[in-house]
């Protein structure tokens, strides 16, 4: 899919000014954004983030819908204060959000504070998983998708998990994987799919780790970055977090404990 070039700071200032109601502000490009262009805007009193979707024909409409829906359910996600399906000058979809205060969970925190933050985040991601999705895989983000029901690209979970499996394993088996290893991977995914099928498709964050969980003074303040939203088993986000747990800090048990207060986890889960 064709991508447009990132707008200049001057262009961003022009399009942001009507939303901010401020004559003076500072803008800088956040290079951490992968799927979107991200700009940090500091007015001196508040901080905002402007996200710009570079793919032609794609829209933030569904993501805006998700933010509104989650905030109504008590999930602390960034407040959307500006959105355009397609900005007239840029020809790209834009979304302006208010900053979640604080910093990433784990940075300069005590173990007790980190675990408290992760327990609250577990409760919050459980609330995210209450949102139903029609299908599995990436949430469809076309310009006309804004509505009441979120739709994903695949109708069944097997299509979602196995879409590129045969080709990828074939490529890796040429020089990296032995035949027995490729066979074991297929078996693991088959068994995993049967477990995930026990849950209906729900909205998942898609990139859930402690870099997207924020805290201030060792208290949870919210979660960010719903650019990877998918329809999947709710176990997806818990599994994704556990995969990354311990790389910097260890918090999965606290996260799962908070999650279980909202959605009790079975032995099979």
Foldseek 3Di string as FASTA:
>chain_A
DDFDDDDDPVVVCVVCCVLPVAPDWDKDWDPVDDQWTWIWIGRPVFIKIKTWGGDQQFFCQVVLVLVVVLVVLVAQEWHWRDWDRADPVVRITMTMTTDQDAAFQPVPDDPVLSLQLLLVVLLSQLSQQVAAAQAWDFWDGGSPQNDDHTYADHRAVCCRVCVCLVVVLVVCCVPHDPPVVSVVVVVVVVVVSVLFVVAHWGKHLQQDERNQWGDDPSHTRHGYDSPRIITTRSVVNLVNHVVCAPPRHHHSVSSLNSNCVNPNDDPSD
